[in-house]
Structure formats: C-alpha cells, structure tokens
Amino acid sequence: MDKRTVGILLVAIGAIGLLTFPLYTAFPWNSAPSQYGTATSWNSGMMRQQPSAGTAISLDEAVAQFQSYVAATSNKDLALKEVMEFENNYYAIVYEKSTGIGAFELLIDKTGANRYGMMGGMMGRQGLVYPEPGPNMMWNTKYNMMMGTGGMMGSRGGFFSVDSSASANMPITVEEAKLLATKYLNQHLLGASLEEPDRFYGYYTIHIIRDGKVYGMLSVNGYTGDVWFHGWHGYFVQEKDFA
C-alpha cells in the first residue's frame, strides 16, 4: 500500500470519527423511565481522562475567547449570558438579547487534554472554542451546530446554520421540565436541587445544586422529555454572569 493510499485512509477514518461522535453521545447511558420518554445520563466515566500537565487558561482569557466567538458570528442579537469554570473546561451560554432565549452552549478545553475520543485532536486543544456536545448539538432546533455554511469544523463562529422559522414554544413546559429533572435527581442524585431552567430552542438546561453550590447540569428535551446529564465538566470552580 503506497503512502498516498495510507493518507487517504487516515483522512477517511478521521472524517468518520467526526460524523459518528454526535451519534455516540446520543446513546442512552444509564437510562431511567420518565412519563414522556427515557431519561438518559451520559456516564462521564466512559470518556473522561485526566487533564494534561499544561497550564490552564484563566477565566478572563476564556471570557475573551467566548466573546470573540460571538462577535465572529456577526449576529448583533447574540451575547454571552454566563461563563462557568469547571474542572475540565469552561462553559458558556450564548443567548438572544431580543428574546432572552438561549441560542447555544459552548466549551473551551482548559488544558488541551483529549477527553472526546477521535474528536479530541480538533476539539481538545487548549483555548479552542467549540459547540458543547450532547443536547446543544442533538436537540437544538434553531441553531444547528452540525450543518452550518462553514462546515462542521469551519472557521470560528461559522459552523452553525440558523433556522429562523424555529419556535421556542415546546410541548413540555418549564414546570414539566423541572418535574422531569427532579424525578431524575431523585433516582440518580438524591439530595440535590435545581436552579431555574434556561430555555433553548428545543430543550431546557438546568443547573444542579448540591451542598449549597453548583454540582453540574442536565438538559430536558422540550418535545420528548428525555433527560441528559452533562457528564463532561468535572467539579465546579466559579462563574461570571453577564445578562
């Protein structure tokens, strides 16, 4: 087999990894029943690795990166709502100023550790802003993080498309989402409580509180009632609110 053929095969394998990762994240790990469907939890132990020895970027540096990402979209209606620092990454909510509704969720890897399988080479680099996996990529009905005009891994701010016809009205209300999330906590994380949900197009994301501080977060599908625990963050460190 010549070098050219080997190169083509390696590129093909990488492309398959990029395309199949969102499907992998959709698998119902640790499933539990709910009245609307299946409550699912991504088992963080399945994919988590220890951070590398590199120096983590600071919260202020992460904020600047997220703000640059939002600015690069050229959508003046989008702004940062909050940035949270976790053990493994920085997390941000971008929202619509005109509606108050969440647009999408972003991550920055703090140290460059490869925690995301075959995508780690592109998404695990320190300081790189990328769409959060899970509900943000699978359930978002307006901001499609997988089919943008810039391609899945296009230039910063250019790898999502916008469906202007999408509605934020969902069959499952905020109160019903909270009930489903509470049921999930009673089954998997007894003693924890919930903050008020952040509404996105197609789903809700809710911060989990335990022992008086943020423990993590989960999302509830606004159409099916599926519950998806965000198992990739690690422990909470600090946050900065903007909205």
Protein backbone atom coordinates (compact mmCIF):
# COMPACT_ATOMS: atom_id res chain seq x y z
CA MET A 1 0.00 0.00 0.00
CA ASP A 2 1.59 3.33 -1.07
CA LYS A 3 1.82 6.45 1.09
CA ARG A 4 -0.94 8.23 -0.82
CA THR A 5 -3.40 5.41 -0.17
CA VAL A 6 -2.49 5.36 3.53
CA GLY A 7 -3.04 9.12 3.73
CA ILE A 8 -6.47 8.85 2.14
CA LEU A 9 -7.46 6.10 4.58
CA LEU A 10 -6.37 8.17 7.58
CA VAL A 11 -8.38 11.17 6.39
CA ALA A 12 -11.42 8.94 5.86
CA ILE A 13 -11.11 7.47 9.36
CA GLY A 14 -10.91 10.94 10.87
CA ALA A 15 -14.00 12.08 8.97
CA ILE A 16 -15.94 9.04 10.16
CA GLY A 17 -14.95 9.88 13.74
CA LEU A 18 -16.25 13.44 13.39
CA LEU A 19 -19.55 12.33 11.92
CA THR A 20 -20.23 9.50 14.35
CA PHE A 21 -19.37 11.26 17.62
CA PRO A 22 -22.72 13.10 17.91
CA LEU A 23 -24.49 9.76 17.39
CA TYR A 24 -22.35 8.16 20.10
CA THR A 25 -23.23 10.88 22.56
CA ALA A 26 -26.92 10.21 21.93
CA PHE A 27 -26.76 6.65 23.26
CA PRO A 28 -28.95 6.28 26.38
CA TRP A 29 -26.36 5.50 29.05
CA ASN A 30 -27.87 4.75 32.47
CA SER A 31 -31.43 5.09 31.15
CA ALA A 32 -34.33 5.53 33.52
CA PRO A 33 -38.04 5.85 32.66
CA SER A 34 -39.96 9.12 32.59
CA GLN A 35 -43.57 9.89 31.78
CA TYR A 36 -42.59 11.40 28.44
CA GLY A 37 -39.82 9.08 27.35
CA THR A 38 -36.44 7.90 28.51
CA ALA A 39 -34.39 9.92 30.97
CA THR A 40 -30.79 9.49 29.93
CA SER A 41 -27.45 10.18 31.57
CA TRP A 42 -24.09 10.26 29.87
CA ASN A 43 -21.78 8.29 32.11
CA SER A 44 -18.86 10.68 32.49
CA GLY A 45 -16.56 7.77 33.31
CA MET A 46 -16.96 6.42 29.79
CA MET A 47 -14.88 9.14 28.14
CA ARG A 48 -13.18 11.23 30.82
CA GLN A 49 -9.41 11.43 31.07
CA GLN A 50 -7.19 13.31 33.46
CA PRO A 51 -6.18 16.83 32.33
CA SER A 52 -2.74 17.18 30.82
CA ALA A 53 0.07 18.89 32.65
CA GLY A 54 -0.31 22.08 30.63
CA THR A 55 -1.16 25.38 32.32
CA ALA A 56 -4.90 26.05 32.21
CA ILE A 57 -6.13 29.29 30.68
CA SER A 58 -7.74 31.76 33.09
CA LEU A 59 -11.42 32.65 33.41
CA ASP A 60 -10.81 36.09 31.91
CA GLU A 61 -8.99 34.55 28.95
CA ALA A 62 -11.88 32.14 28.43
CA VAL A 63 -14.39 35.01 28.54
CA ALA A 64 -12.40 36.88 25.91
CA GLN A 65 -12.35 33.77 23.70
CA PHE A 66 -16.10 33.28 24.01
CA GLN A 67 -16.75 36.94 23.27
CA SER A 68 -14.55 36.75 20.17
CA TYR A 69 -16.52 33.69 19.04
CA VAL A 70 -19.84 35.51 19.46
CA ALA A 71 -18.51 38.58 17.65
CA ALA A 72 -17.35 36.38 14.77
CA THR A 73 -20.93 35.26 14.13
CA SER A 74 -21.78 38.85 13.06
CA ASN A 75 -25.16 38.39 14.75
CA LYS A 76 -25.68 41.52 16.86
CA ASP A 77 -28.55 39.87 18.72
CA LEU A 78 -26.29 37.26 20.31
CA ALA A 79 -24.43 37.83 23.58
CA LEU A 80 -22.85 35.93 26.45
CA LYS A 81 -25.20 35.15 29.32
CA GLU A 82 -22.78 33.36 31.63
CA VAL A 83 -19.42 31.65 31.73
CA MET A 84 -18.74 28.85 34.20
CA GLU A 85 -15.40 27.33 35.06
CA PHE A 86 -15.31 23.60 35.74
CA GLU A 87 -12.51 21.17 36.45
CA ASN A 88 -12.19 20.13 32.81
CA ASN A 89 -13.47 23.07 30.79
CA TYR A 90 -15.10 26.47 30.58
CA TYR A 91 -18.79 26.50 29.68
CA ALA A 92 -20.78 29.40 28.20
CA ILE A 93 -24.39 30.15 27.37
CA VAL A 94 -24.98 32.41 24.39
CA TYR A 95 -28.46 33.94 24.28
CA GLU A 96 -30.64 36.19 22.11
CA LYS A 97 -30.88 39.70 23.54
CA SER A 98 -34.21 40.34 21.80
CA THR A 99 -35.97 37.27 23.24
CA GLY A 100 -33.93 36.26 26.29
CA ILE A 101 -33.90 32.69 24.95
CA GLY A 102 -30.72 30.64 24.91
CA ALA A 103 -29.18 30.26 21.47
CA PHE A 104 -26.47 27.65 22.09
CA GLU A 105 -23.85 26.39 24.55
CA LEU A 106 -20.07 26.46 24.10
CA LEU A 107 -16.99 24.90 25.68
CA ILE A 108 -13.29 25.65 25.94
CA ASP A 109 -10.88 22.93 26.99
CA LYS A 110 -8.73 24.28 29.82
CA THR A 111 -5.53 22.31 29.26
CA GLY A 112 -5.77 20.59 25.89
CA ALA A 113 -6.36 17.12 27.35
CA ASN A 114 -8.03 14.71 24.93
CA ARG A 115 -11.39 13.86 26.53
CA TYR A 116 -13.51 13.43 23.42
CA GLY A 117 -12.22 10.36 21.65
CA MET A 118 -11.49 10.84 17.94
CA MET A 119 -12.60 14.47 18.09
CA GLY A 120 -10.04 15.30 20.73
CA GLY A 121 -7.40 16.20 18.20
CA MET A 122 -9.55 19.08 16.95
CA MET A 123 -11.78 19.86 19.90
CA GLY A 124 -9.47 19.09 22.80
CA ARG A 125 -6.96 21.83 22.06
CA GLN A 126 -6.40 24.35 24.82
CA GLY A 127 -8.31 27.59 24.31
CA LEU A 128 -10.32 26.43 21.30
CA VAL A 129 -14.00 27.41 21.41
CA TYR A 130 -16.35 24.69 20.18
CA PRO A 131 -20.04 23.69 20.46
CA GLU A 132 -20.91 21.69 23.55
CA PRO A 133 -21.75 18.08 22.65
CA GLY A 134 -24.99 16.42 23.69
CA PRO A 135 -28.27 18.38 23.79
CA ASN A 136 -26.73 21.51 22.28
CA MET A 137 -25.84 19.59 19.12
CA MET A 138 -28.61 17.00 19.08
CA TRP A 139 -31.71 18.87 20.29
CA ASN A 140 -31.23 22.50 19.21
CA THR A 141 -33.97 23.24 16.67
CA LYS A 142 -32.83 26.74 15.63
CA TYR A 143 -29.05 26.87 15.80
CA ASN A 144 -27.87 23.76 14.01
CA MET A 145 -24.34 23.21 15.26
CA MET A 146 -23.68 20.35 12.79
CA MET A 147 -24.78 21.69 9.40
CA GLY A 148 -23.51 25.26 9.07
CA THR A 149 -22.44 27.00 5.87
CA GLY A 150 -18.87 26.95 7.12
CA GLY A 151 -18.94 23.19 7.56
CA MET A 152 -18.95 21.18 10.79
CA MET A 153 -15.47 22.38 11.67
CA GLY A 154 -15.45 25.66 9.78
CA SER A 155 -13.96 28.94 10.91
CA ARG A 156 -14.77 30.23 14.38
CA GLY A 157 -18.41 31.33 14.53
CA GLY A 158 -19.09 29.79 11.12
CA PHE A 159 -20.06 26.18 11.78
CA PHE A 160 -23.74 26.51 12.54
CA SER A 161 -26.78 27.38 10.48
CA VAL A 162 -29.88 29.21 11.71
CA ASP A 163 -33.48 28.15 11.15
CA SER A 164 -35.37 31.43 11.51
CA SER A 165 -38.70 29.59 11.49
CA ALA A 166 -37.91 27.64 14.70
CA SER A 167 -40.18 28.30 17.66
CA ALA A 168 -39.23 28.38 21.34
CA ASN A 169 -42.68 27.04 22.24
CA MET A 170 -42.39 23.41 23.25
CA PRO A 171 -44.99 20.80 24.31
CA ILE A 172 -43.19 20.33 27.62
CA THR A 173 -43.43 23.45 29.77
CA VAL A 174 -40.82 24.82 32.13
CA GLU A 175 -42.68 23.38 35.12
CA GLU A 176 -42.95 19.96 33.50
CA ALA A 177 -39.23 20.07 32.65
CA LYS A 178 -38.46 20.80 36.30
CA LEU A 179 -40.60 17.86 37.40
CA LEU A 180 -38.80 15.52 35.00
CA ALA A 181 -35.42 16.82 36.15
CA THR A 182 -36.42 16.39 39.81
CA LYS A 183 -37.52 12.83 39.12
CA TYR A 184 -34.14 12.16 37.55
CA LEU A 185 -32.32 13.61 40.57
CA ASN A 186 -34.42 11.51 42.96
CA GLN A 187 -33.29 8.42 41.05
CA HIS A 188 -29.65 9.30 40.45
CA LEU A 189 -28.56 12.15 42.75
CA LEU A 190 -30.68 12.16 45.88
CA GLY A 191 -30.44 15.34 47.94
CA ALA A 192 -29.65 17.65 45.02
CA SER A 193 -31.88 20.53 43.90
CA LEU A 194 -32.34 22.63 40.76
CA GLU A 195 -31.97 26.23 39.69
CA GLU A 196 -34.47 27.82 37.29
CA PRO A 197 -34.11 26.33 33.77
CA ASP A 198 -32.51 28.17 30.87
CA ARG A 199 -34.75 27.80 27.84
CA PHE A 200 -33.23 26.98 24.46
CA TYR A 201 -34.85 26.13 21.15
CA GLY A 202 -35.91 22.52 21.63
CA TYR A 203 -34.74 21.93 25.19
CA TYR A 204 -34.02 23.30 28.67
CA THR A 205 -30.70 23.29 30.52
CA ILE A 206 -30.80 23.32 34.32
CA HIS A 207 -28.00 23.77 36.86
CA ILE A 208 -27.88 21.22 39.67
CA ILE A 209 -27.20 22.42 43.23
CA ARG A 210 -25.77 20.17 45.94
CA ASP A 211 -24.46 21.16 49.36
CA GLY A 212 -25.18 24.79 48.54
CA LYS A 213 -23.10 25.04 45.35
CA VAL A 214 -23.25 24.10 41.68
CA TYR A 215 -22.75 20.37 41.19
CA GLY A 216 -23.30 20.16 37.44
CA MET A 217 -26.13 20.47 34.95
CA LEU A 218 -28.62 18.49 32.92
CA SER A 219 -30.89 19.16 29.96
CA VAL A 220 -34.51 18.19 29.30
CA ASN A 221 -35.82 17.73 25.76
CA GLY A 222 -38.84 20.02 25.28
CA TYR A 223 -40.56 17.53 22.97
CA THR A 224 -39.75 14.06 24.32
CA GLY A 225 -38.91 14.72 27.96
CA ASP A 226 -35.56 12.94 27.71
CA VAL A 227 -33.13 13.98 30.44
CA TRP A 228 -29.43 14.22 29.61
CA PHE A 229 -26.82 14.78 32.34
CA HIS A 230 -23.76 16.76 31.23
CA GLY A 231 -21.09 14.35 32.40
CA TRP A 232 -18.05 16.01 30.87
CA HIS A 233 -17.46 19.06 33.08
CA GLY A 234 -15.95 17.77 36.33
CA TYR A 235 -16.35 19.77 39.55
CA PHE A 236 -17.50 23.40 39.55
CA VAL A 237 -14.97 26.20 40.28
CA GLN A 238 -16.53 29.64 39.65
CA GLU A 239 -18.77 31.61 37.30
CA LYS A 240 -19.31 35.05 35.81
CA ASP A 241 -22.75 36.34 34.78
CA PHE A 242 -23.31 38.91 32.04
CA ALA A 243 -27.07 39.07 31.37
